[in-house]
């Protein structure tokens, strides 16, 4: 049996101002404090390896935990956040031009024939989630910590629950229902070829 802890990265200025984020967006002061709090939590939780999204905000969160628990960090593109079009990255979601692009993204999220530009859609992140879970399942460690992001975390849950062919409708139901707090901890088990979600979004360390 494997125990996997998924942790959403700490807060960023983009989270706090309502902006689409860059790959290199760092943690804010609040996010750095949150990363320190969650790192303290993991001092008493067994961790054999830390796997992190290759985006800066996740890598910073993972590095803070790694220093606290004395483990190395493996960076993986399986677990980075859904990629939005380059045209909106770093811009406020409330910007009128950004809102027009967002409308297009929502309308065609589950249509693999329609894209605005270089964004990821439902099928892209589902493929990454399936591959990411397979990557975890095949690793030799028994206690794994994955530092990731909100939307891809929801897709990971959808694939665990509904399988590798999970539908846009099921994902969107989960996305409306589930919210991952910054540095919230989700605990899952991999046993006998099946996933089990046992804790969702534990953020008691934030008070």
N, C-alpha and C. Protein backbone atom coordinates (compact mmCIF):
# COMPACT_ATOMS: atom_id res chain seq x y z
N UNK A 1 0.84 -1.20 0.00
CA UNK A 1 0.00 0.00 0.00
C UNK A 1 0.87 1.25 0.00
N UNK A 2 0.46 2.24 -0.75
CA UNK A 2 1.12 3.54 -0.75
C UNK A 2 0.21 4.59 -0.11
N UNK A 3 0.82 5.54 0.57
CA UNK A 3 0.10 6.71 1.07
C UNK A 3 0.64 7.93 0.35
N UNK A 4 -0.26 8.67 -0.28
CA UNK A 4 0.13 9.85 -1.05
C UNK A 4 -0.56 11.08 -0.46
N UNK A 5 0.24 12.09 -0.19
CA UNK A 5 -0.28 13.37 0.28
C UNK A 5 -0.16 14.39 -0.85
N UNK A 6 -1.27 14.96 -1.26
CA UNK A 6 -1.27 16.04 -2.25
C UNK A 6 -1.43 17.37 -1.50
N UNK A 7 -0.54 18.30 -1.79
CA UNK A 7 -0.58 19.61 -1.14
C UNK A 7 -0.67 20.69 -2.22
N UNK A 8 -1.67 21.53 -2.13
CA UNK A 8 -1.70 22.69 -3.03
C UNK A 8 -0.64 23.69 -2.56
N UNK A 9 -0.01 24.38 -3.51
CA UNK A 9 1.03 25.37 -3.19
C UNK A 9 0.49 26.48 -2.31
N UNK A 10 1.40 27.24 -1.70
CA UNK A 10 1.01 28.41 -0.91
C UNK A 10 0.47 29.54 -1.78
N UNK A 11 -0.10 30.52 -1.13
CA UNK A 11 -0.76 31.62 -1.83
C UNK A 11 0.25 32.50 -2.59
N UNK A 12 -0.27 33.13 -3.65
CA UNK A 12 0.53 34.04 -4.48
C UNK A 12 -0.21 35.37 -4.63
N UNK A 13 0.49 36.36 -5.16
CA UNK A 13 -0.18 37.62 -5.45
C UNK A 13 -1.31 37.40 -6.46
N UNK A 14 -1.11 36.47 -7.38
CA UNK A 14 -2.15 36.17 -8.35
C UNK A 14 -3.40 35.61 -7.71
N UNK A 15 -3.24 34.69 -6.74
CA UNK A 15 -4.38 34.19 -5.99
C UNK A 15 -5.10 35.33 -5.28
N UNK A 16 -4.33 36.23 -4.73
CA UNK A 16 -4.88 37.27 -3.86
C UNK A 16 -5.51 38.43 -4.64
N UNK A 17 -5.11 38.60 -5.89
CA UNK A 17 -5.66 39.71 -6.69
C UNK A 17 -6.60 39.24 -7.80
N UNK A 18 -6.71 37.91 -7.99
CA UNK A 18 -7.59 37.40 -9.03
C UNK A 18 -6.97 37.52 -10.41
N UNK A 19 -5.74 37.02 -10.57
CA UNK A 19 -5.05 37.09 -11.86
C UNK A 19 -4.71 35.68 -12.35
N UNK A 20 -4.64 35.53 -13.66
CA UNK A 20 -4.07 34.31 -14.24
C UNK A 20 -2.56 34.37 -14.02
N UNK A 21 -1.98 33.24 -13.67
CA UNK A 21 -0.59 33.28 -13.21
C UNK A 21 0.40 32.81 -14.26
N UNK A 22 1.62 33.26 -14.10
CA UNK A 22 2.73 32.83 -14.94
C UNK A 22 3.34 31.55 -14.37
N UNK A 23 4.08 30.85 -15.20
CA UNK A 23 4.81 29.67 -14.74
C UNK A 23 5.74 30.05 -13.58
N UNK A 24 6.27 31.27 -13.64
CA UNK A 24 7.28 31.72 -12.68
C UNK A 24 6.70 32.54 -11.52
N UNK A 25 5.39 32.60 -11.40
CA UNK A 25 4.80 33.37 -10.30
C UNK A 25 5.26 32.79 -8.96
N UNK A 26 5.85 33.62 -8.08
CA UNK A 26 6.34 33.11 -6.80
C UNK A 26 5.28 33.20 -5.70
N UNK A 27 5.59 32.62 -4.57
CA UNK A 27 4.73 32.76 -3.40
C UNK A 27 4.75 34.20 -2.91
N UNK A 28 3.62 34.63 -2.38
CA UNK A 28 3.53 35.93 -1.70
C UNK A 28 4.05 35.78 -0.27
N UNK A 29 4.07 36.86 0.45
CA UNK A 29 4.47 36.77 1.87
C UNK A 29 3.53 35.83 2.63
N UNK A 30 2.24 35.93 2.33
CA UNK A 30 1.28 35.01 2.95
C UNK A 30 1.59 33.57 2.56
N UNK A 31 1.89 33.35 1.29
CA UNK A 31 2.19 32.02 0.82
C UNK A 31 3.44 31.43 1.46
N UNK A 32 4.46 32.26 1.65
CA UNK A 32 5.68 31.79 2.31
C UNK A 32 5.38 31.36 3.75
N UNK A 33 4.52 32.13 4.43
CA UNK A 33 4.14 31.75 5.79
C UNK A 33 3.34 30.45 5.80
N UNK A 34 2.43 30.30 4.84
CA UNK A 34 1.66 29.07 4.74
C UNK A 34 2.57 27.87 4.49
N UNK A 35 3.56 28.05 3.62
CA UNK A 35 4.50 26.96 3.34
C UNK A 35 5.26 26.56 4.60
N UNK A 36 5.61 27.54 5.42
CA UNK A 36 6.29 27.23 6.68
C UNK A 36 5.37 26.45 7.62
N UNK A 37 4.10 26.83 7.67
CA UNK A 37 3.14 26.13 8.53
C UNK A 37 2.96 24.68 8.10
N UNK A 38 2.79 24.46 6.79
CA UNK A 38 2.56 23.09 6.32
C UNK A 38 3.83 22.26 6.46
N UNK A 39 4.99 22.90 6.34
CA UNK A 39 6.25 22.18 6.55
C UNK A 39 6.34 21.65 7.97
N UNK A 40 5.87 22.44 8.94
CA UNK A 40 5.86 21.99 10.33
C UNK A 40 4.96 20.76 10.49
N UNK A 41 3.82 20.75 9.78
CA UNK A 41 2.92 19.59 9.84
C UNK A 41 3.65 18.32 9.43
N UNK A 42 4.44 18.43 8.37
CA UNK A 42 5.07 17.24 7.81
C UNK A 42 6.27 16.75 8.61
N UNK A 43 6.68 17.48 9.62
CA UNK A 43 7.74 16.98 10.50
C UNK A 43 7.29 15.73 11.26
N UNK A 44 5.98 15.53 11.39
CA UNK A 44 5.46 14.37 12.11
C UNK A 44 4.72 13.39 11.20
N UNK A 45 4.84 13.59 9.88
CA UNK A 45 4.18 12.72 8.90
C UNK A 45 5.27 12.05 8.06
N UNK A 46 5.26 10.72 7.94
CA UNK A 46 6.29 10.04 7.15
C UNK A 46 6.25 10.46 5.68
N UNK A 47 7.41 10.84 5.14
CA UNK A 47 7.54 11.20 3.73
C UNK A 47 8.85 10.61 3.22
N UNK A 48 8.77 9.80 2.17
CA UNK A 48 9.97 9.21 1.58
C UNK A 48 10.52 10.05 0.43
N UNK A 49 9.64 10.72 -0.29
CA UNK A 49 10.07 11.56 -1.41
C UNK A 49 9.03 12.65 -1.62
N UNK A 50 9.49 13.80 -2.11
CA UNK A 50 8.60 14.91 -2.44
C UNK A 50 8.64 15.11 -3.96
N UNK A 51 7.48 15.09 -4.58
CA UNK A 51 7.35 15.35 -6.02
C UNK A 51 6.63 16.69 -6.17
N UNK A 52 7.19 17.57 -6.96
CA UNK A 52 6.61 18.91 -7.10
C UNK A 52 6.34 19.26 -8.55
N UNK A 53 5.26 19.97 -8.77
CA UNK A 53 5.07 20.68 -10.04
C UNK A 53 6.31 21.51 -10.33
N UNK A 54 6.59 21.72 -11.61
CA UNK A 54 7.76 22.51 -11.98
C UNK A 54 7.47 24.01 -12.01
N UNK A 55 6.27 24.43 -11.60
CA UNK A 55 5.97 25.86 -11.50
C UNK A 55 6.56 26.42 -10.20
N UNK A 56 7.01 27.68 -10.26
CA UNK A 56 7.77 28.26 -9.15
C UNK A 56 7.03 28.21 -7.83
N UNK A 57 5.75 28.53 -7.82
CA UNK A 57 5.00 28.59 -6.55
C UNK A 57 4.92 27.23 -5.88
N UNK A 58 4.80 26.17 -6.67
CA UNK A 58 4.79 24.82 -6.10
C UNK A 58 6.19 24.42 -5.66
N UNK A 59 7.19 24.72 -6.49
CA UNK A 59 8.57 24.35 -6.16
C UNK A 59 9.02 25.03 -4.86
N UNK A 60 8.63 26.29 -4.66
CA UNK A 60 8.99 26.98 -3.41
C UNK A 60 8.33 26.30 -2.21
N UNK A 61 7.08 25.92 -2.36
CA UNK A 61 6.37 25.23 -1.28
C UNK A 61 7.04 23.90 -0.98
N UNK A 62 7.37 23.15 -2.03
CA UNK A 62 8.02 21.85 -1.86
C UNK A 62 9.40 22.00 -1.21
N UNK A 63 10.15 23.00 -1.62
CA UNK A 63 11.48 23.21 -1.05
C UNK A 63 11.41 23.52 0.43
N UNK A 64 10.39 24.27 0.84
CA UNK A 64 10.24 24.60 2.27
C UNK A 64 9.94 23.33 3.07
N UNK A 65 9.10 22.47 2.54
CA UNK A 65 8.81 21.21 3.22
C UNK A 65 10.05 20.32 3.22
N UNK A 66 10.77 20.29 2.10
CA UNK A 66 11.96 19.45 1.98
C UNK A 66 13.00 19.81 3.04
N UNK A 67 13.17 21.10 3.27
CA UNK A 67 14.14 21.53 4.30
C UNK A 67 13.71 21.07 5.68
N UNK A 68 12.41 21.05 5.91
CA UNK A 68 11.91 20.67 7.23
C UNK A 68 12.02 19.17 7.50
N UNK A 69 11.85 18.36 6.45
CA UNK A 69 11.81 16.91 6.65
C UNK A 69 13.05 16.19 6.14
N UNK A 70 13.98 16.93 5.52
CA UNK A 70 15.22 16.33 5.08
C UNK A 70 15.07 15.37 3.91
N UNK A 71 14.19 15.70 2.98
CA UNK A 71 13.98 14.86 1.80
C UNK A 71 14.29 15.65 0.53
N UNK A 72 14.56 14.92 -0.54
CA UNK A 72 14.83 15.55 -1.82
C UNK A 72 13.53 15.84 -2.56
N UNK A 73 13.61 16.70 -3.56
CA UNK A 73 12.45 17.07 -4.37
C UNK A 73 12.67 16.62 -5.81
N UNK A 74 11.68 15.93 -6.36
CA UNK A 74 11.66 15.55 -7.77
C UNK A 74 10.65 16.45 -8.47
N UNK A 75 11.06 17.16 -9.51
CA UNK A 75 10.14 18.05 -10.22
C UNK A 75 9.52 17.32 -11.41
N UNK A 76 8.22 17.49 -11.58
CA UNK A 76 7.50 16.78 -12.63
C UNK A 76 6.46 17.68 -13.27
N UNK A 77 6.43 17.68 -14.60
CA UNK A 77 5.43 18.46 -15.34
C UNK A 77 4.05 17.81 -15.30
N UNK A 78 3.93 16.58 -14.82
CA UNK A 78 2.61 15.96 -14.71
C UNK A 78 1.70 16.79 -13.82
N UNK A 79 2.28 17.46 -12.82
CA UNK A 79 1.47 18.05 -11.75
C UNK A 79 1.40 19.56 -11.78
N UNK A 80 1.85 20.19 -12.88
CA UNK A 80 1.70 21.65 -12.95
C UNK A 80 0.24 22.02 -13.22
N UNK A 81 -0.08 23.29 -13.02
CA UNK A 81 -1.45 23.75 -13.18
C UNK A 81 -1.85 23.74 -14.65
N UNK A 82 -3.17 23.71 -14.88
CA UNK A 82 -3.68 23.82 -16.24
C UNK A 82 -3.08 25.07 -16.89
N UNK A 83 -2.64 24.93 -18.12
CA UNK A 83 -2.03 26.06 -18.83
C UNK A 83 -3.10 26.90 -19.50
N UNK A 84 -3.14 28.16 -19.15
CA UNK A 84 -4.05 29.11 -19.78
C UNK A 84 -3.35 29.72 -21.01
N UNK A 85 -4.08 30.36 -21.90
CA UNK A 85 -3.43 30.97 -23.07
C UNK A 85 -2.37 31.99 -22.65
N UNK A 86 -1.29 32.04 -23.40
CA UNK A 86 -0.24 33.03 -23.11
C UNK A 86 -0.79 34.45 -23.04
N UNK A 87 -1.85 34.71 -23.81
CA UNK A 87 -2.42 36.06 -23.88
C UNK A 87 -3.01 36.53 -22.55
N UNK A 88 -3.32 35.61 -21.64
CA UNK A 88 -3.94 36.03 -20.37
C UNK A 88 -3.02 35.86 -19.17
N UNK A 89 -1.91 35.19 -19.33
CA UNK A 89 -1.04 34.91 -18.19
C UNK A 89 -0.45 36.20 -17.62
N UNK A 90 -0.57 36.35 -16.33
CA UNK A 90 -0.10 37.55 -15.66
C UNK A 90 -1.09 38.70 -15.66
N UNK A 91 -2.29 38.48 -16.20
CA UNK A 91 -3.29 39.55 -16.29
C UNK A 91 -4.47 39.27 -15.37
N UNK A 92 -5.13 40.33 -14.94
CA UNK A 92 -6.29 40.19 -14.06
C UNK A 92 -7.45 39.53 -14.78
N UNK A 93 -8.14 38.63 -14.09
CA UNK A 93 -9.27 37.93 -14.69
C UNK A 93 -10.42 38.89 -14.99
N UNK A 94 -10.47 40.02 -14.28
CA UNK A 94 -11.55 40.99 -14.48
C UNK A 94 -11.30 41.93 -15.66
N UNK A 95 -10.13 41.86 -16.28
CA UNK A 95 -9.84 42.68 -17.45
C UNK A 95 -10.82 42.31 -18.57
N UNK A 96 -11.47 43.29 -19.21
CA UNK A 96 -12.49 42.98 -20.23
C UNK A 96 -11.98 42.08 -21.36
N UNK A 97 -10.77 42.31 -21.84
CA UNK A 97 -10.24 41.46 -22.91
C UNK A 97 -9.97 40.05 -22.41
N UNK A 98 -9.50 39.95 -21.19
CA UNK A 98 -9.27 38.63 -20.59
C UNK A 98 -10.60 37.90 -20.40
N UNK A 99 -11.62 38.63 -20.01
CA UNK A 99 -12.93 38.01 -19.81
C UNK A 99 -13.48 37.42 -21.11
N UNK A 100 -13.22 38.08 -22.24
CA UNK A 100 -13.66 37.55 -23.54
C UNK A 100 -12.97 36.21 -23.83
N UNK A 101 -11.68 36.17 -23.55
CA UNK A 101 -10.93 34.92 -23.77
C UNK A 101 -11.42 33.84 -22.82
N UNK A 102 -11.70 34.22 -21.58
CA UNK A 102 -12.19 33.25 -20.59
C UNK A 102 -13.52 32.65 -21.03
N UNK A 103 -14.39 33.47 -21.60
CA UNK A 103 -15.67 32.96 -22.11
C UNK A 103 -15.44 31.89 -23.17
N UNK A 104 -14.48 32.12 -24.04
CA UNK A 104 -14.14 31.13 -25.07
C UNK A 104 -13.62 29.85 -24.42
N UNK A 105 -12.76 30.00 -23.42
CA UNK A 105 -12.18 28.82 -22.75
C UNK A 105 -13.26 27.98 -22.09
N UNK A 106 -14.21 28.62 -21.45
CA UNK A 106 -15.29 27.90 -20.78
C UNK A 106 -16.17 27.20 -21.81
N UNK A 107 -16.50 27.90 -22.88
CA UNK A 107 -17.39 27.35 -23.90
C UNK A 107 -16.79 26.11 -24.56
N UNK A 108 -15.48 26.14 -24.81
CA UNK A 108 -14.85 25.06 -25.57
C UNK A 108 -13.92 24.19 -24.72
N UNK A 109 -14.06 24.24 -23.41
CA UNK A 109 -13.19 23.47 -22.52
C UNK A 109 -13.20 21.98 -22.86
N UNK A 110 -14.36 21.45 -23.23
CA UNK A 110 -14.50 20.01 -23.50
C UNK A 110 -14.63 19.72 -24.99
N UNK A 111 -14.18 20.63 -25.82
CA UNK A 111 -14.21 20.44 -27.27
C UNK A 111 -12.77 20.40 -27.77
N UNK A 112 -12.30 19.21 -28.15
CA UNK A 112 -10.89 19.06 -28.51
C UNK A 112 -10.58 19.62 -29.89
N UNK A 113 -11.58 20.14 -30.59
CA UNK A 113 -11.36 20.70 -31.93
C UNK A 113 -11.30 22.22 -31.94
N UNK A 114 -11.60 22.84 -30.79
CA UNK A 114 -11.66 24.30 -30.72
C UNK A 114 -10.71 24.81 -29.63
N UNK A 115 -9.73 25.59 -30.03
CA UNK A 115 -8.81 26.19 -29.06
C UNK A 115 -8.66 27.68 -29.35
N UNK A 116 -8.41 28.43 -28.30
CA UNK A 116 -8.11 29.85 -28.50
C UNK A 116 -6.70 29.99 -29.07
N UNK A 117 -5.72 29.32 -28.42
CA UNK A 117 -4.33 29.42 -28.87
C UNK A 117 -3.52 28.26 -28.29
N UNK A 118 -2.74 28.54 -27.24
CA UNK A 118 -1.81 27.54 -26.72
C UNK A 118 -2.22 27.01 -25.35
N UNK A 119 -3.50 27.08 -25.01
CA UNK A 119 -3.97 26.62 -23.70
C UNK A 119 -4.16 25.11 -23.66
N UNK A 120 -4.32 24.59 -22.43
CA UNK A 120 -4.74 23.20 -22.24
C UNK A 120 -6.25 23.17 -22.05
N UNK A 121 -6.85 22.05 -22.47
CA UNK A 121 -8.29 21.87 -22.25
C UNK A 121 -8.53 20.64 -21.36
N UNK A 122 -9.78 20.23 -21.26
CA UNK A 122 -10.14 19.07 -20.43
C UNK A 122 -9.32 17.84 -20.78
N UNK A 123 -9.20 17.54 -22.06
CA UNK A 123 -8.53 16.31 -22.48
C UNK A 123 -7.04 16.35 -22.19
N UNK A 124 -6.45 17.53 -22.28
CA UNK A 124 -5.02 17.67 -21.97
C UNK A 124 -4.75 17.38 -20.50
N UNK A 125 -5.55 17.99 -19.62
CA UNK A 125 -5.26 17.78 -18.20
C UNK A 125 -5.70 16.39 -17.74
N UNK A 126 -6.69 15.80 -18.40
CA UNK A 126 -7.03 14.42 -18.06
C UNK A 126 -5.89 13.49 -18.41
N UNK A 127 -5.28 13.68 -19.58
CA UNK A 127 -4.13 12.85 -19.97
C UNK A 127 -3.00 13.00 -18.96
N UNK A 128 -2.74 14.23 -18.52
CA UNK A 128 -1.67 14.45 -17.54
C UNK A 128 -1.98 13.79 -16.21
N UNK A 129 -3.25 13.88 -15.79
CA UNK A 129 -3.64 13.28 -14.52
C UNK A 129 -3.48 11.76 -14.56
N UNK A 130 -3.92 11.15 -15.65
CA UNK A 130 -3.79 9.69 -15.79
C UNK A 130 -2.31 9.30 -15.75
N UNK A 131 -1.49 10.03 -16.50
CA UNK A 131 -0.05 9.72 -16.53
C UNK A 131 0.60 9.98 -15.17
N UNK A 132 0.18 11.05 -14.50
CA UNK A 132 0.75 11.37 -13.19
C UNK A 132 0.43 10.33 -12.14
N UNK A 133 -0.79 9.83 -12.14
CA UNK A 133 -1.16 8.80 -11.17
C UNK A 133 -0.43 7.49 -11.46
N UNK A 134 -0.24 7.18 -12.73
CA UNK A 134 0.53 5.99 -13.08
C UNK A 134 1.98 6.14 -12.64
N UNK A 135 2.52 7.34 -12.80
CA UNK A 135 3.89 7.64 -12.36
C UNK A 135 4.04 7.42 -10.86
N UNK A 136 3.07 7.88 -10.09
CA UNK A 136 3.10 7.69 -8.64
C UNK A 136 2.99 6.22 -8.28
N UNK A 137 2.02 5.53 -8.90
CA UNK A 137 1.77 4.14 -8.57
C UNK A 137 2.98 3.26 -8.81
N UNK A 138 3.79 3.61 -9.80
CA UNK A 138 4.95 2.78 -10.16
C UNK A 138 6.21 3.13 -9.37
N UNK A 139 6.18 4.20 -8.60
CA UNK A 139 7.36 4.56 -7.81
C UNK A 139 7.54 3.58 -6.66
N UNK A 140 8.78 3.38 -6.20
CA UNK A 140 9.03 2.40 -5.15
C UNK A 140 8.68 2.87 -3.74
N UNK A 141 8.58 4.21 -3.55
CA UNK A 141 8.37 4.72 -2.19
C UNK A 141 6.96 4.42 -1.69
N UNK A 142 6.82 4.29 -0.38
CA UNK A 142 5.51 4.02 0.23
C UNK A 142 4.81 5.29 0.70
N UNK A 143 5.56 6.33 1.00
CA UNK A 143 4.98 7.58 1.49
C UNK A 143 5.45 8.71 0.59
N UNK A 144 4.54 9.24 -0.19
CA UNK A 144 4.87 10.21 -1.24
C UNK A 144 4.09 11.50 -1.01
N UNK A 145 4.79 12.61 -1.12
CA UNK A 145 4.16 13.94 -1.03
C UNK A 145 4.24 14.60 -2.40
N UNK A 146 3.10 15.05 -2.92
CA UNK A 146 3.04 15.73 -4.22
C UNK A 146 2.55 17.15 -4.00
N UNK A 147 3.34 18.13 -4.41
CA UNK A 147 2.95 19.54 -4.31
C UNK A 147 2.44 19.98 -5.68
N UNK A 148 1.21 20.44 -5.72
CA UNK A 148 0.55 20.67 -7.00
C UNK A 148 -0.35 21.90 -6.94
N UNK A 149 -1.42 21.92 -7.73
CA UNK A 149 -2.26 23.10 -7.93
C UNK A 149 -3.74 22.70 -7.91
N UNK A 150 -4.60 23.70 -7.82
CA UNK A 150 -6.02 23.44 -7.61
C UNK A 150 -6.74 22.69 -8.71
N UNK A 151 -6.63 23.15 -9.96
CA UNK A 151 -7.41 22.53 -11.04
C UNK A 151 -6.91 21.14 -11.36
N UNK A 152 -5.59 20.96 -11.45
CA UNK A 152 -5.07 19.63 -11.76
C UNK A 152 -5.34 18.68 -10.59
N UNK A 153 -5.37 19.19 -9.36
CA UNK A 153 -5.70 18.34 -8.22
C UNK A 153 -7.13 17.83 -8.34
N UNK A 154 -8.05 18.68 -8.75
CA UNK A 154 -9.42 18.23 -8.96
C UNK A 154 -9.49 17.16 -10.04
N UNK A 155 -8.72 17.32 -11.11
CA UNK A 155 -8.70 16.29 -12.16
C UNK A 155 -8.10 14.99 -11.64
N UNK A 156 -7.08 15.06 -10.82
CA UNK A 156 -6.52 13.85 -10.21
C UNK A 156 -7.59 13.12 -9.40
N UNK A 157 -8.39 13.87 -8.65
CA UNK A 157 -9.48 13.26 -7.89
C UNK A 157 -10.52 12.63 -8.82
N UNK A 158 -10.84 13.32 -9.91
CA UNK A 158 -11.83 12.81 -10.86
C UNK A 158 -11.39 11.48 -11.45
N UNK A 159 -10.11 11.39 -11.82
CA UNK A 159 -9.59 10.15 -12.40
C UNK A 159 -9.55 9.05 -11.35
N UNK A 160 -9.17 9.38 -10.13
CA UNK A 160 -9.19 8.37 -9.06
C UNK A 160 -10.59 7.79 -8.87
N UNK A 161 -11.58 8.66 -8.85
CA UNK A 161 -12.94 8.24 -8.52
C UNK A 161 -13.66 7.62 -9.72
N UNK A 162 -13.50 8.25 -10.88
CA UNK A 162 -14.31 7.89 -12.05
C UNK A 162 -13.54 7.17 -13.14
N UNK A 163 -12.22 7.02 -12.96
CA UNK A 163 -11.44 6.28 -13.93
C UNK A 163 -10.81 7.16 -15.00
N UNK A 164 -9.96 6.54 -15.82
CA UNK A 164 -9.18 7.28 -16.81
C UNK A 164 -10.03 7.88 -17.93
N UNK A 165 -11.27 7.44 -18.06
CA UNK A 165 -12.17 7.99 -19.08
C UNK A 165 -13.22 8.92 -18.45
N UNK A 166 -12.90 9.45 -17.29
CA UNK A 166 -13.83 10.37 -16.62
C UNK A 166 -14.29 11.46 -17.59
N UNK A 167 -15.51 11.89 -17.44
CA UNK A 167 -16.14 12.80 -18.40
C UNK A 167 -16.01 14.26 -17.98
N UNK A 168 -16.15 15.18 -18.94
CA UNK A 168 -16.19 16.60 -18.57
C UNK A 168 -17.28 16.91 -17.56
N UNK A 169 -18.44 16.27 -17.70
CA UNK A 169 -19.55 16.54 -16.77
C UNK A 169 -19.17 16.17 -15.34
N UNK A 170 -18.51 15.01 -15.17
CA UNK A 170 -18.12 14.60 -13.82
C UNK A 170 -17.06 15.53 -13.26
N UNK A 171 -16.08 15.88 -14.07
CA UNK A 171 -15.04 16.79 -13.61
C UNK A 171 -15.63 18.13 -13.17
N UNK A 172 -16.54 18.68 -13.97
CA UNK A 172 -17.11 19.98 -13.65
C UNK A 172 -17.95 19.93 -12.38
N UNK A 173 -18.60 18.78 -12.12
CA UNK A 173 -19.32 18.63 -10.85
C UNK A 173 -18.35 18.70 -9.68
N UNK A 174 -17.24 17.98 -9.78
CA UNK A 174 -16.25 18.03 -8.72
C UNK A 174 -15.67 19.43 -8.57
N UNK A 175 -15.41 20.08 -9.70
CA UNK A 175 -14.80 21.40 -9.67
C UNK A 175 -15.70 22.42 -8.99
N UNK A 176 -17.03 22.26 -9.16
CA UNK A 176 -17.97 23.15 -8.48
C UNK A 176 -18.07 22.84 -6.99
N UNK A 177 -17.84 21.59 -6.63
CA UNK A 177 -18.07 21.14 -5.25
C UNK A 177 -16.82 21.25 -4.38
N UNK A 178 -15.67 20.87 -4.94
CA UNK A 178 -14.44 20.78 -4.16
C UNK A 178 -13.63 22.07 -4.27
N UNK A 179 -13.06 22.50 -3.17
CA UNK A 179 -12.13 23.62 -3.20
C UNK A 179 -10.89 23.24 -2.41
N UNK A 180 -9.73 23.45 -2.99
CA UNK A 180 -8.47 23.18 -2.30
C UNK A 180 -7.89 24.50 -1.80
N UNK A 181 -7.75 24.62 -0.50
CA UNK A 181 -7.13 25.81 0.08
C UNK A 181 -5.64 25.80 -0.19
N UNK A 182 -5.02 26.96 -0.19
CA UNK A 182 -3.58 27.02 -0.34
C UNK A 182 -2.91 26.26 0.82
N UNK A 183 -2.07 25.32 0.49
CA UNK A 183 -1.38 24.38 1.38
C UNK A 183 -2.32 23.37 2.04
N UNK A 184 -3.55 23.25 1.57
CA UNK A 184 -4.44 22.19 2.06
C UNK A 184 -3.85 20.82 1.71
N UNK A 185 -4.05 19.85 2.60
CA UNK A 185 -3.50 18.51 2.44
C UNK A 185 -4.62 17.53 2.10
N UNK A 186 -4.43 16.78 1.03
CA UNK A 186 -5.36 15.71 0.65
C UNK A 186 -4.60 14.39 0.73
N UNK A 187 -5.15 13.43 1.46
CA UNK A 187 -4.48 12.15 1.68
C UNK A 187 -5.21 11.05 0.91
N UNK A 188 -4.44 10.29 0.13
CA UNK A 188 -5.00 9.21 -0.69
C UNK A 188 -4.19 7.93 -0.48
N UNK A 189 -4.83 6.80 -0.71
CA UNK A 189 -4.17 5.50 -0.62
C UNK A 189 -4.21 4.82 -1.99
N UNK A 190 -3.14 4.12 -2.32
CA UNK A 190 -3.09 3.26 -3.50
C UNK A 190 -2.87 1.84 -3.01
N UNK A 191 -3.88 1.00 -3.21
CA UNK A 191 -3.80 -0.36 -2.68
C UNK A 191 -4.54 -1.31 -3.61
N UNK A 192 -3.90 -2.43 -3.93
CA UNK A 192 -4.51 -3.47 -4.78
C UNK A 192 -5.05 -2.90 -6.09
N UNK A 193 -4.29 -1.96 -6.67
CA UNK A 193 -4.67 -1.42 -7.97
C UNK A 193 -5.81 -0.44 -7.95
N UNK A 194 -6.15 0.09 -6.79
CA UNK A 194 -7.27 1.03 -6.69
C UNK A 194 -6.90 2.22 -5.81
N UNK A 195 -7.50 3.37 -6.12
CA UNK A 195 -7.28 4.59 -5.34
C UNK A 195 -8.39 4.78 -4.31
N UNK A 196 -8.01 5.38 -3.21
CA UNK A 196 -9.00 5.74 -2.19
C UNK A 196 -8.65 7.11 -1.63
N UNK A 197 -9.62 8.00 -1.60
CA UNK A 197 -9.43 9.33 -1.02
C UNK A 197 -9.91 9.28 0.43
N UNK A 198 -9.00 9.55 1.37
CA UNK A 198 -9.38 9.42 2.79
C UNK A 198 -9.44 10.76 3.52
N UNK A 199 -8.74 11.78 3.01
CA UNK A 199 -8.81 13.13 3.61
C UNK A 199 -8.76 14.15 2.47
N UNK A 200 -9.67 15.12 2.50
CA UNK A 200 -9.67 16.18 1.50
C UNK A 200 -9.40 17.53 2.17
N UNK A 201 -8.38 18.24 1.70
CA UNK A 201 -8.16 19.65 2.02
C UNK A 201 -8.04 19.93 3.53
N UNK A 202 -7.24 19.15 4.23
CA UNK A 202 -6.95 19.43 5.64
C UNK A 202 -6.04 20.64 5.71
N UNK A 203 -6.56 21.75 6.25
CA UNK A 203 -5.73 22.95 6.38
C UNK A 203 -5.76 23.48 7.81
N UNK A 204 -5.79 22.55 8.77
CA UNK A 204 -5.83 22.93 10.18
C UNK A 204 -4.60 23.74 10.58
N UNK A 205 -3.47 23.54 9.88
CA UNK A 205 -2.25 24.26 10.20
C UNK A 205 -2.38 25.76 9.95
N UNK A 206 -3.41 26.16 9.21
CA UNK A 206 -3.61 27.59 8.95
C UNK A 206 -4.45 28.27 10.03
N UNK A 207 -4.95 27.47 10.97
CA UNK A 207 -5.73 28.04 12.07
C UNK A 207 -7.21 28.09 11.77
